């Protein structure tokens, strides 16, 4: 027998709050009676919540979270949500001067951008600025990273973070092409450049 999960107005699966409450209660070895005592809610109502027959208020969820010593958000997590996978063969690359770039995160976000950039030896991004922080992980090759008066050379596995508002440049050095994983985080509400 398949039990249909309730959905919201947009057709998304509603979180199974009851299943979460039951899981956290049993993980802590509590009976419904003990949880009722700790929250001030009656056993019948708790049973209805656990069986998804009742939809608890925010105040009720707060009481349950306190009694079970978990963040309230843990009750609202949809554990059936699938991770987003982007296969290497499915990624789209765009050509840039002397290299190419691919947005790793397919859907993207207003607060984060994840890009793999590949470049030939001697290629430089040129001094530039943008909003937000930028994180770099060298996947292959060697890079000279310059920010203001600070210059550092990085190789495979090395990591660097800088504030995008300070002029900076990444240059591929040596005789081999280089590849960087670049994660740009913008401050809330600021667009990606």
N, C-alpha and C. Protein backbone atom coordinates (compact mmCIF):
# COMPACT_ATOMS: atom_id res chain seq x y z
N UNK A 1 0.84 -1.18 0.00
CA UNK A 1 0.00 0.00 0.00
C UNK A 1 0.88 1.24 0.00
N UNK A 2 0.63 2.17 -0.90
CA UNK A 2 1.39 3.40 -1.00
C UNK A 2 0.56 4.52 -0.39
N UNK A 3 1.19 5.24 0.54
CA UNK A 3 0.51 6.38 1.16
C UNK A 3 1.01 7.64 0.49
N UNK A 4 0.09 8.40 -0.09
CA UNK A 4 0.46 9.64 -0.74
C UNK A 4 0.79 10.69 0.32
N UNK A 5 1.92 11.37 0.12
CA UNK A 5 2.29 12.45 1.02
C UNK A 5 1.54 13.70 0.59
N UNK A 6 1.10 14.53 1.54
CA UNK A 6 0.43 15.77 1.18
C UNK A 6 1.38 16.71 0.45
N UNK A 7 0.82 17.54 -0.43
CA UNK A 7 1.63 18.50 -1.16
C UNK A 7 1.13 19.90 -0.88
N UNK A 8 2.00 20.90 -1.14
CA UNK A 8 1.58 22.28 -0.97
C UNK A 8 0.92 22.77 -2.25
N UNK A 9 0.60 24.06 -2.30
CA UNK A 9 -0.12 24.62 -3.45
C UNK A 9 0.67 24.47 -4.75
N UNK A 10 2.00 24.47 -4.66
CA UNK A 10 2.83 24.37 -5.86
C UNK A 10 3.08 22.92 -6.26
N UNK A 11 2.49 21.97 -5.53
CA UNK A 11 2.65 20.57 -5.85
C UNK A 11 3.88 19.93 -5.24
N UNK A 12 4.62 20.69 -4.42
CA UNK A 12 5.79 20.11 -3.77
C UNK A 12 5.34 19.27 -2.59
N UNK A 13 6.10 18.23 -2.31
CA UNK A 13 5.78 17.35 -1.19
C UNK A 13 5.93 18.13 0.12
N UNK A 14 4.89 18.08 0.96
CA UNK A 14 4.94 18.72 2.26
C UNK A 14 5.85 17.91 3.18
N UNK A 15 6.57 18.58 4.09
CA UNK A 15 7.45 17.82 4.98
C UNK A 15 6.65 16.89 5.88
N UNK A 16 7.17 15.72 6.13
CA UNK A 16 6.52 14.74 7.01
C UNK A 16 6.95 15.04 8.45
N UNK A 17 6.34 16.05 9.04
CA UNK A 17 6.70 16.49 10.38
C UNK A 17 6.55 15.35 11.38
N UNK A 18 5.46 14.61 11.26
CA UNK A 18 5.20 13.52 12.20
C UNK A 18 6.30 12.49 12.23
N UNK A 19 6.78 12.12 11.07
CA UNK A 19 7.86 11.13 10.98
C UNK A 19 9.11 11.65 11.69
N UNK A 20 9.38 12.94 11.52
CA UNK A 20 10.55 13.55 12.17
C UNK A 20 10.38 13.57 13.69
N UNK A 21 9.19 13.94 14.15
CA UNK A 21 8.94 13.97 15.60
C UNK A 21 9.12 12.57 16.18
N UNK A 22 8.52 11.59 15.53
CA UNK A 22 8.64 10.21 16.03
C UNK A 22 10.10 9.76 16.05
N UNK A 23 10.83 10.05 14.98
CA UNK A 23 12.22 9.63 14.92
C UNK A 23 13.04 10.25 16.05
N UNK A 24 12.90 11.55 16.26
CA UNK A 24 13.67 12.20 17.32
C UNK A 24 13.23 11.73 18.70
N UNK A 25 11.95 11.47 18.88
CA UNK A 25 11.46 10.97 20.18
C UNK A 25 12.01 9.58 20.47
N UNK A 26 11.92 8.67 19.50
CA UNK A 26 12.39 7.30 19.74
C UNK A 26 13.92 7.24 19.84
N UNK A 27 14.62 8.09 19.09
CA UNK A 27 16.08 8.14 19.20
C UNK A 27 16.52 8.51 20.61
N UNK A 28 15.68 9.28 21.29
CA UNK A 28 16.01 9.71 22.65
C UNK A 28 15.40 8.79 23.72
N UNK A 29 14.73 7.73 23.27
CA UNK A 29 14.17 6.76 24.20
C UNK A 29 12.98 7.29 25.00
N UNK A 30 12.28 8.26 24.44
CA UNK A 30 11.13 8.84 25.13
C UNK A 30 9.83 8.17 24.70
N UNK A 31 8.93 7.98 25.63
CA UNK A 31 7.58 7.52 25.31
C UNK A 31 6.74 8.73 24.97
N UNK A 32 5.58 8.49 24.38
CA UNK A 32 4.66 9.60 24.13
C UNK A 32 4.28 10.28 25.43
N UNK A 33 4.11 9.49 26.50
CA UNK A 33 3.73 10.05 27.81
C UNK A 33 4.82 11.00 28.32
N UNK A 34 6.10 10.60 28.18
CA UNK A 34 7.20 11.46 28.65
C UNK A 34 7.27 12.74 27.81
N UNK A 35 7.07 12.60 26.49
CA UNK A 35 7.11 13.77 25.63
C UNK A 35 5.93 14.70 25.94
N UNK A 36 4.77 14.11 26.20
CA UNK A 36 3.60 14.91 26.57
C UNK A 36 3.88 15.70 27.85
N UNK A 37 4.49 15.05 28.80
CA UNK A 37 4.82 15.70 30.07
C UNK A 37 5.82 16.85 29.84
N UNK A 38 6.80 16.62 28.99
CA UNK A 38 7.83 17.63 28.75
C UNK A 38 7.32 18.83 27.95
N UNK A 39 6.31 18.61 27.12
CA UNK A 39 5.81 19.69 26.25
C UNK A 39 4.52 20.32 26.73
N UNK A 40 3.79 19.61 27.61
CA UNK A 40 2.48 20.11 28.03
C UNK A 40 1.39 19.79 27.03
N UNK A 41 1.70 18.99 26.01
CA UNK A 41 0.70 18.59 25.01
C UNK A 41 0.14 17.24 25.42
N UNK A 42 -1.11 16.95 25.00
CA UNK A 42 -1.67 15.65 25.40
C UNK A 42 -1.21 14.55 24.46
N UNK A 43 -1.22 13.32 24.98
CA UNK A 43 -0.72 12.15 24.25
C UNK A 43 -1.47 11.95 22.94
N UNK A 44 -2.78 12.11 22.96
CA UNK A 44 -3.58 11.91 21.75
C UNK A 44 -3.17 12.86 20.63
N UNK A 45 -2.94 14.13 21.00
CA UNK A 45 -2.52 15.11 20.00
C UNK A 45 -1.13 14.77 19.46
N UNK A 46 -0.21 14.37 20.34
CA UNK A 46 1.13 13.97 19.90
C UNK A 46 1.06 12.78 18.95
N UNK A 47 0.18 11.83 19.25
CA UNK A 47 0.01 10.67 18.38
C UNK A 47 -0.50 11.10 17.00
N UNK A 48 -1.44 12.05 16.99
CA UNK A 48 -1.95 12.56 15.71
C UNK A 48 -0.84 13.25 14.92
N UNK A 49 0.00 14.01 15.62
CA UNK A 49 1.12 14.68 14.94
C UNK A 49 2.05 13.64 14.33
N UNK A 50 2.41 12.62 15.14
CA UNK A 50 3.35 11.61 14.65
C UNK A 50 2.80 10.81 13.48
N UNK A 51 1.49 10.70 13.38
CA UNK A 51 0.86 9.98 12.27
C UNK A 51 0.42 10.91 11.15
N UNK A 52 0.89 12.14 11.19
CA UNK A 52 0.56 13.17 10.19
C UNK A 52 -0.94 13.37 10.01
N UNK A 53 -1.66 13.23 11.12
CA UNK A 53 -3.11 13.48 11.11
C UNK A 53 -3.41 14.88 11.64
N UNK A 54 -2.41 15.50 12.26
CA UNK A 54 -2.56 16.87 12.78
C UNK A 54 -1.34 17.66 12.34
N UNK A 55 -1.56 18.92 12.06
CA UNK A 55 -0.48 19.81 11.64
C UNK A 55 -0.16 20.76 12.79
N UNK A 56 0.98 20.55 13.46
CA UNK A 56 1.28 21.35 14.64
C UNK A 56 1.59 22.81 14.31
N UNK A 57 1.23 23.69 15.22
CA UNK A 57 1.54 25.11 15.06
C UNK A 57 3.03 25.33 15.29
N UNK A 58 3.48 26.52 14.98
CA UNK A 58 4.88 26.86 15.21
C UNK A 58 5.20 26.82 16.70
N UNK A 59 4.27 27.25 17.52
CA UNK A 59 4.46 27.21 18.98
C UNK A 59 4.62 25.77 19.44
N UNK A 60 3.79 24.88 18.91
CA UNK A 60 3.86 23.46 19.26
C UNK A 60 5.20 22.87 18.80
N UNK A 61 5.62 23.19 17.58
CA UNK A 61 6.91 22.69 17.08
C UNK A 61 8.06 23.21 17.94
N UNK A 62 7.95 24.44 18.39
CA UNK A 62 8.97 25.01 19.26
C UNK A 62 9.06 24.23 20.57
N UNK A 63 7.91 23.88 21.14
CA UNK A 63 7.88 23.09 22.38
C UNK A 63 8.50 21.71 22.15
N UNK A 64 8.16 21.09 21.03
CA UNK A 64 8.72 19.78 20.70
C UNK A 64 10.24 19.86 20.50
N UNK A 65 10.68 20.89 19.80
CA UNK A 65 12.12 21.06 19.56
C UNK A 65 12.87 21.23 20.88
N UNK A 66 12.31 22.01 21.78
CA UNK A 66 12.95 22.22 23.09
C UNK A 66 13.00 20.91 23.86
N UNK A 67 11.89 20.18 23.90
CA UNK A 67 11.82 18.93 24.66
C UNK A 67 12.76 17.87 24.08
N UNK A 68 12.93 17.86 22.76
CA UNK A 68 13.77 16.85 22.11
C UNK A 68 15.20 17.34 21.88
N UNK A 69 15.46 18.60 22.24
CA UNK A 69 16.79 19.20 22.12
C UNK A 69 17.32 19.13 20.68
N UNK A 70 16.48 19.59 19.75
CA UNK A 70 16.86 19.67 18.34
C UNK A 70 16.43 21.02 17.79
N UNK A 71 17.09 21.52 16.74
CA UNK A 71 16.62 22.74 16.09
C UNK A 71 15.24 22.51 15.48
N UNK A 72 14.39 23.50 15.54
CA UNK A 72 13.03 23.38 15.01
C UNK A 72 13.05 23.03 13.51
N UNK A 73 14.03 23.51 12.79
CA UNK A 73 14.11 23.25 11.34
C UNK A 73 14.23 21.76 11.03
N UNK A 74 14.75 20.98 11.96
CA UNK A 74 14.92 19.55 11.70
C UNK A 74 13.59 18.84 11.49
N UNK A 75 12.51 19.39 12.01
CA UNK A 75 11.20 18.78 11.79
C UNK A 75 10.69 19.03 10.38
N UNK A 76 11.22 20.04 9.72
CA UNK A 76 10.69 20.47 8.43
C UNK A 76 11.51 20.00 7.25
N UNK A 77 12.56 19.25 7.51
CA UNK A 77 13.44 18.76 6.45
C UNK A 77 12.73 17.66 5.66
N UNK A 78 12.75 17.79 4.35
CA UNK A 78 12.19 16.75 3.48
C UNK A 78 13.30 15.75 3.17
N UNK A 79 13.31 14.65 3.89
CA UNK A 79 14.38 13.66 3.71
C UNK A 79 14.27 12.91 2.40
N UNK A 80 13.18 13.09 1.67
CA UNK A 80 13.06 12.42 0.38
C UNK A 80 13.66 13.27 -0.74
N UNK A 81 14.07 14.51 -0.42
CA UNK A 81 14.67 15.37 -1.44
C UNK A 81 15.96 14.73 -1.95
N UNK A 82 16.10 14.69 -3.26
CA UNK A 82 17.27 14.06 -3.86
C UNK A 82 18.38 15.09 -4.03
N UNK A 83 19.63 14.65 -3.89
CA UNK A 83 20.73 15.57 -4.15
C UNK A 83 20.78 15.92 -5.64
N UNK A 84 21.27 17.10 -5.93
CA UNK A 84 21.42 17.51 -7.33
C UNK A 84 22.77 17.01 -7.84
N UNK A 85 22.75 16.26 -8.92
CA UNK A 85 23.97 15.71 -9.50
C UNK A 85 24.14 16.30 -10.90
N UNK A 86 25.33 16.79 -11.17
CA UNK A 86 25.66 17.25 -12.52
C UNK A 86 26.85 16.41 -12.98
N UNK A 87 26.62 15.58 -13.96
CA UNK A 87 27.67 14.71 -14.50
C UNK A 87 28.63 15.53 -15.36
N UNK A 88 29.90 15.15 -15.32
CA UNK A 88 30.92 15.86 -16.09
C UNK A 88 30.53 15.95 -17.56
N UNK A 89 29.98 14.88 -18.10
CA UNK A 89 29.61 14.86 -19.52
C UNK A 89 28.45 15.81 -19.84
N UNK A 90 27.68 16.18 -18.83
CA UNK A 90 26.52 17.04 -19.04
C UNK A 90 26.81 18.53 -18.83
N UNK A 91 27.99 18.84 -18.31
CA UNK A 91 28.31 20.24 -18.06
C UNK A 91 28.57 20.97 -19.36
N UNK A 92 28.10 22.21 -19.42
CA UNK A 92 28.31 23.04 -20.61
C UNK A 92 29.51 23.96 -20.35
N UNK A 93 30.39 24.01 -21.32
CA UNK A 93 31.58 24.85 -21.23
C UNK A 93 31.41 26.04 -22.15
N UNK A 94 31.92 27.18 -21.75
CA UNK A 94 31.94 28.34 -22.64
C UNK A 94 33.39 28.73 -22.85
N UNK A 95 33.68 29.09 -24.07
CA UNK A 95 35.06 29.46 -24.40
C UNK A 95 35.32 30.89 -23.92
N UNK A 96 36.47 31.06 -23.31
CA UNK A 96 36.95 32.38 -22.89
C UNK A 96 38.34 32.53 -23.50
N UNK A 97 38.88 33.75 -23.59
CA UNK A 97 40.20 33.90 -24.20
C UNK A 97 41.23 32.96 -23.57
N UNK A 98 41.85 32.13 -24.39
CA UNK A 98 42.90 31.19 -23.97
C UNK A 98 42.45 30.21 -22.90
N UNK A 99 41.19 29.83 -22.91
CA UNK A 99 40.71 28.86 -21.92
C UNK A 99 39.23 28.60 -22.06
N UNK A 100 38.66 28.04 -21.03
CA UNK A 100 37.22 27.80 -21.02
C UNK A 100 36.74 27.75 -19.57
N UNK A 101 35.42 27.93 -19.39
CA UNK A 101 34.83 27.94 -18.05
C UNK A 101 33.50 27.20 -18.08
N UNK A 102 33.20 26.55 -16.98
CA UNK A 102 31.95 25.82 -16.87
C UNK A 102 31.34 26.09 -15.51
N UNK A 103 30.08 26.48 -15.51
CA UNK A 103 29.37 26.65 -14.25
C UNK A 103 29.06 25.26 -13.73
N UNK A 104 29.57 24.93 -12.55
CA UNK A 104 29.42 23.59 -11.98
C UNK A 104 28.02 23.40 -11.43
N UNK A 105 27.49 24.41 -10.76
CA UNK A 105 26.15 24.32 -10.19
C UNK A 105 25.13 24.65 -11.26
N UNK A 106 24.43 23.64 -11.73
CA UNK A 106 23.54 23.78 -12.89
C UNK A 106 22.46 24.84 -12.70
N UNK A 107 21.80 24.83 -11.56
CA UNK A 107 20.71 25.77 -11.35
C UNK A 107 21.20 27.13 -10.91
N UNK A 108 22.34 27.16 -10.25
CA UNK A 108 22.85 28.42 -9.77
C UNK A 108 22.04 28.95 -8.61
N UNK A 109 22.45 30.06 -8.10
CA UNK A 109 21.82 30.66 -6.94
C UNK A 109 22.17 32.13 -6.96
N UNK A 110 21.38 32.93 -6.25
CA UNK A 110 21.69 34.35 -6.21
C UNK A 110 22.83 34.65 -5.25
N UNK A 111 23.17 33.71 -4.37
CA UNK A 111 24.20 33.96 -3.36
C UNK A 111 25.51 33.23 -3.60
N UNK A 112 25.53 32.28 -4.53
CA UNK A 112 26.74 31.49 -4.75
C UNK A 112 26.88 31.15 -6.23
N UNK A 113 28.12 31.15 -6.68
CA UNK A 113 28.43 30.74 -8.05
C UNK A 113 29.62 29.80 -7.96
N UNK A 114 29.53 28.63 -8.60
CA UNK A 114 30.62 27.66 -8.59
C UNK A 114 31.03 27.41 -10.04
N UNK A 115 32.28 27.72 -10.34
CA UNK A 115 32.77 27.65 -11.71
C UNK A 115 34.11 26.91 -11.74
N UNK A 116 34.29 26.05 -12.74
CA UNK A 116 35.62 25.50 -13.00
C UNK A 116 36.18 26.28 -14.18
N UNK A 117 37.36 26.86 -13.98
CA UNK A 117 38.02 27.63 -15.04
C UNK A 117 39.30 26.92 -15.44
N UNK A 118 39.50 26.77 -16.75
CA UNK A 118 40.71 26.15 -17.28
C UNK A 118 41.40 27.17 -18.17
N UNK A 119 42.73 27.28 -18.01
CA UNK A 119 43.44 28.28 -18.81
C UNK A 119 44.82 27.77 -19.21
N UNK A 120 45.33 28.36 -20.26
CA UNK A 120 46.65 28.01 -20.80
C UNK A 120 47.73 28.78 -20.05
N UNK A 121 48.98 28.29 -20.09
CA UNK A 121 50.08 29.00 -19.43
C UNK A 121 50.18 30.44 -19.92
N UNK A 122 50.46 31.34 -18.99
CA UNK A 122 50.62 32.75 -19.33
C UNK A 122 49.33 33.54 -19.36
N UNK A 123 48.18 32.88 -19.23
CA UNK A 123 46.90 33.58 -19.28
C UNK A 123 46.62 34.21 -17.92
N UNK A 124 46.16 35.45 -17.95
CA UNK A 124 45.85 36.20 -16.74
C UNK A 124 44.41 36.69 -16.81
N UNK A 125 43.73 36.71 -15.68
CA UNK A 125 42.36 37.23 -15.65
C UNK A 125 42.36 38.75 -15.76
N UNK A 126 43.50 39.38 -15.48
CA UNK A 126 43.57 40.84 -15.45
C UNK A 126 43.02 41.35 -14.13
N UNK A 127 43.58 42.43 -13.64
CA UNK A 127 43.11 42.99 -12.37
C UNK A 127 41.64 43.37 -12.51
N UNK A 128 40.84 42.93 -11.57
CA UNK A 128 39.41 43.23 -11.60
C UNK A 128 38.85 43.18 -10.18
N UNK A 129 37.63 43.68 -10.02
CA UNK A 129 36.94 43.65 -8.73
C UNK A 129 35.50 43.20 -8.96
N UNK A 130 34.87 42.78 -7.89
CA UNK A 130 33.45 42.41 -7.90
C UNK A 130 33.00 42.31 -6.45
N UNK A 131 31.72 42.22 -6.25
CA UNK A 131 31.22 42.09 -4.88
C UNK A 131 31.43 40.67 -4.37
N UNK A 132 31.50 40.53 -3.07
CA UNK A 132 31.54 39.21 -2.44
C UNK A 132 32.92 38.62 -2.30
N UNK A 133 32.97 37.49 -1.61
CA UNK A 133 34.21 36.73 -1.41
C UNK A 133 34.37 35.71 -2.52
N UNK A 134 35.62 35.41 -2.85
CA UNK A 134 35.91 34.42 -3.86
C UNK A 134 36.87 33.39 -3.27
N UNK A 135 36.53 32.12 -3.42
CA UNK A 135 37.34 31.01 -2.92
C UNK A 135 37.90 30.26 -4.13
N UNK A 136 39.20 29.94 -4.08
CA UNK A 136 39.86 29.24 -5.19
C UNK A 136 40.50 27.96 -4.68
N UNK A 137 40.28 26.88 -5.39
CA UNK A 137 40.97 25.62 -5.12
C UNK A 137 41.66 25.22 -6.42
N UNK A 138 42.96 25.07 -6.38
CA UNK A 138 43.71 24.70 -7.58
C UNK A 138 43.53 23.21 -7.82
N UNK A 139 42.96 22.87 -8.98
CA UNK A 139 42.76 21.47 -9.35
C UNK A 139 43.97 20.92 -10.08
N UNK A 140 44.59 21.74 -10.92
CA UNK A 140 45.81 21.32 -11.63
C UNK A 140 46.56 22.56 -12.08
N UNK A 141 47.84 22.38 -12.37
CA UNK A 141 48.66 23.50 -12.82
C UNK A 141 49.12 24.38 -11.67
N UNK A 142 49.70 25.52 -12.05
CA UNK A 142 50.20 26.47 -11.06
C UNK A 142 49.65 27.86 -11.39
N UNK A 143 49.41 28.64 -10.35
CA UNK A 143 48.84 29.97 -10.51
C UNK A 143 49.58 30.98 -9.65
N UNK A 144 49.71 32.19 -10.19
CA UNK A 144 50.19 33.33 -9.41
C UNK A 144 48.95 34.18 -9.12
N UNK A 145 48.63 34.31 -7.84
CA UNK A 145 47.45 35.04 -7.42
C UNK A 145 47.91 36.37 -6.81
N UNK A 146 47.39 37.47 -7.34
CA UNK A 146 47.79 38.80 -6.89
C UNK A 146 46.56 39.54 -6.40
N UNK A 147 46.69 40.11 -5.20
CA UNK A 147 45.64 40.97 -4.66
C UNK A 147 46.33 42.15 -4.01
N UNK A 148 46.14 43.33 -4.61
CA UNK A 148 46.85 44.50 -4.11
C UNK A 148 48.35 44.25 -4.21
N UNK A 149 49.08 44.41 -3.08
CA UNK A 149 50.53 44.19 -3.06
C UNK A 149 50.90 42.75 -2.71
N UNK A 150 49.93 41.90 -2.47
CA UNK A 150 50.18 40.53 -2.04
C UNK A 150 50.18 39.58 -3.24
N UNK A 151 51.27 38.81 -3.36
CA UNK A 151 51.41 37.84 -4.45
C UNK A 151 51.72 36.49 -3.84
N UNK A 152 51.01 35.46 -4.27
CA UNK A 152 51.26 34.10 -3.78
C UNK A 152 51.15 33.14 -4.96
N UNK A 153 52.01 32.11 -4.95
CA UNK A 153 51.93 31.07 -5.98
C UNK A 153 51.26 29.85 -5.38
N UNK A 154 50.35 29.27 -6.15
CA UNK A 154 49.58 28.11 -5.69
C UNK A 154 49.74 26.95 -6.65
N UNK A 155 49.70 25.73 -6.10
CA UNK A 155 49.75 24.51 -6.90
C UNK A 155 48.56 23.62 -6.57
N UNK A 156 48.49 22.44 -7.18
CA UNK A 156 47.36 21.53 -6.98
C UNK A 156 47.05 21.29 -5.50
N UNK A 157 45.78 21.46 -5.16
CA UNK A 157 45.32 21.25 -3.79
C UNK A 157 45.38 22.48 -2.92
N UNK A 158 46.10 23.54 -3.37
CA UNK A 158 46.19 24.77 -2.58
C UNK A 158 44.88 25.55 -2.68
N UNK A 159 44.61 26.31 -1.62
CA UNK A 159 43.35 27.07 -1.51
C UNK A 159 43.68 28.52 -1.19
N UNK A 160 42.85 29.43 -1.69
CA UNK A 160 42.98 30.85 -1.42
C UNK A 160 41.59 31.47 -1.35
N UNK A 161 41.41 32.42 -0.44
CA UNK A 161 40.17 33.21 -0.36
C UNK A 161 40.56 34.68 -0.39
N UNK A 162 39.77 35.46 -1.13
CA UNK A 162 39.99 36.90 -1.07
C UNK A 162 38.68 37.65 -1.18
N UNK A 163 38.73 38.91 -0.75
CA UNK A 163 37.58 39.81 -0.83
C UNK A 163 37.56 40.36 -2.25
N UNK A 164 36.46 40.14 -2.96
CA UNK A 164 36.37 40.55 -4.35
C UNK A 164 36.42 42.04 -4.58
N UNK A 165 36.20 42.84 -3.54
CA UNK A 165 36.22 44.29 -3.70
C UNK A 165 37.64 44.85 -3.83
N UNK A 166 38.64 44.05 -3.45
CA UNK A 166 40.03 44.47 -3.58
C UNK A 166 40.54 43.96 -4.94
N UNK A 167 41.14 44.84 -5.77
CA UNK A 167 41.59 44.40 -7.10
C UNK A 167 42.47 43.15 -7.01
N UNK A 168 42.19 42.19 -7.90
CA UNK A 168 42.90 40.91 -7.88
C UNK A 168 43.04 40.33 -9.28
N UNK A 169 44.00 39.39 -9.40
CA UNK A 169 44.32 38.77 -10.68
C UNK A 169 44.77 37.34 -10.44
N UNK A 170 44.39 36.43 -11.32
CA UNK A 170 44.87 35.05 -11.30
C UNK A 170 45.58 34.79 -12.63
N UNK A 171 46.83 34.34 -12.55
CA UNK A 171 47.62 34.08 -13.76
C UNK A 171 48.13 32.65 -13.74
N UNK A 172 47.92 31.93 -14.85
CA UNK A 172 48.45 30.57 -14.98
C UNK A 172 49.94 30.68 -15.27
N UNK A 173 50.76 30.00 -14.45
CA UNK A 173 52.21 30.07 -14.63
C UNK A 173 52.77 28.67 -14.91
N UNK A 174 54.01 28.60 -15.32
CA UNK A 174 54.62 27.31 -15.65
C UNK A 174 54.34 26.93 -17.09
N UNK A 175 54.55 25.65 -17.42
CA UNK A 175 54.41 25.17 -18.80
C UNK A 175 53.13 24.38 -19.04
N UNK A 176 52.34 24.16 -18.02
CA UNK A 176 51.14 23.33 -18.13
C UNK A 176 49.88 24.18 -18.01
N UNK A 177 48.79 23.76 -18.65
CA UNK A 177 47.51 24.44 -18.42
C UNK A 177 47.11 24.31 -16.95
N UNK A 178 46.24 25.18 -16.51
CA UNK A 178 45.80 25.15 -15.12
C UNK A 178 44.29 25.08 -15.03
N UNK A 179 43.82 24.58 -13.90
CA UNK A 179 42.38 24.48 -13.66
C UNK A 179 42.11 24.90 -12.22
N UNK A 180 41.14 25.79 -12.07
CA UNK A 180 40.74 26.30 -10.76
C UNK A 180 39.27 26.02 -10.52
N UNK A 181 38.91 25.66 -9.30
CA UNK A 181 37.52 25.65 -8.88
C UNK A 181 37.31 26.97 -8.15
N UNK A 182 36.39 27.79 -8.64
CA UNK A 182 36.16 29.12 -8.08
C UNK A 182 34.75 29.16 -7.51
N UNK A 183 34.66 29.48 -6.24
CA UNK A 183 33.36 29.62 -5.58
C UNK A 183 33.22 31.07 -5.16
N UNK A 184 32.25 31.75 -5.72
CA UNK A 184 32.03 33.16 -5.40
C UNK A 184 30.77 33.28 -4.56
N UNK A 185 30.93 33.88 -3.40
CA UNK A 185 29.81 34.13 -2.51
C UNK A 185 29.53 35.62 -2.50
N UNK A 186 28.30 35.99 -2.81
CA UNK A 186 27.95 37.41 -2.76
C UNK A 186 27.27 37.70 -1.44
N UNK A 187 27.36 38.93 -1.04
CA UNK A 187 26.62 39.34 0.14
C UNK A 187 25.16 39.37 -0.25
N UNK A 188 24.28 39.01 0.65
CA UNK A 188 22.86 38.84 0.34
C UNK A 188 22.32 40.01 -0.49
N UNK A 189 21.76 39.67 -1.62
CA UNK A 189 21.10 40.66 -2.46
C UNK A 189 21.99 41.30 -3.51
N UNK A 190 23.31 41.07 -3.46
CA UNK A 190 24.19 41.65 -4.46
C UNK A 190 24.30 40.69 -5.64
N UNK A 191 24.23 41.19 -6.87
CA UNK A 191 24.30 40.29 -8.04
C UNK A 191 25.72 39.80 -8.29
N UNK A 192 25.85 38.67 -9.00
CA UNK A 192 27.15 38.19 -9.47
C UNK A 192 27.54 39.02 -10.67
N UNK A 193 28.82 39.27 -10.79
CA UNK A 193 29.31 40.02 -11.96
C UNK A 193 29.53 39.08 -13.11
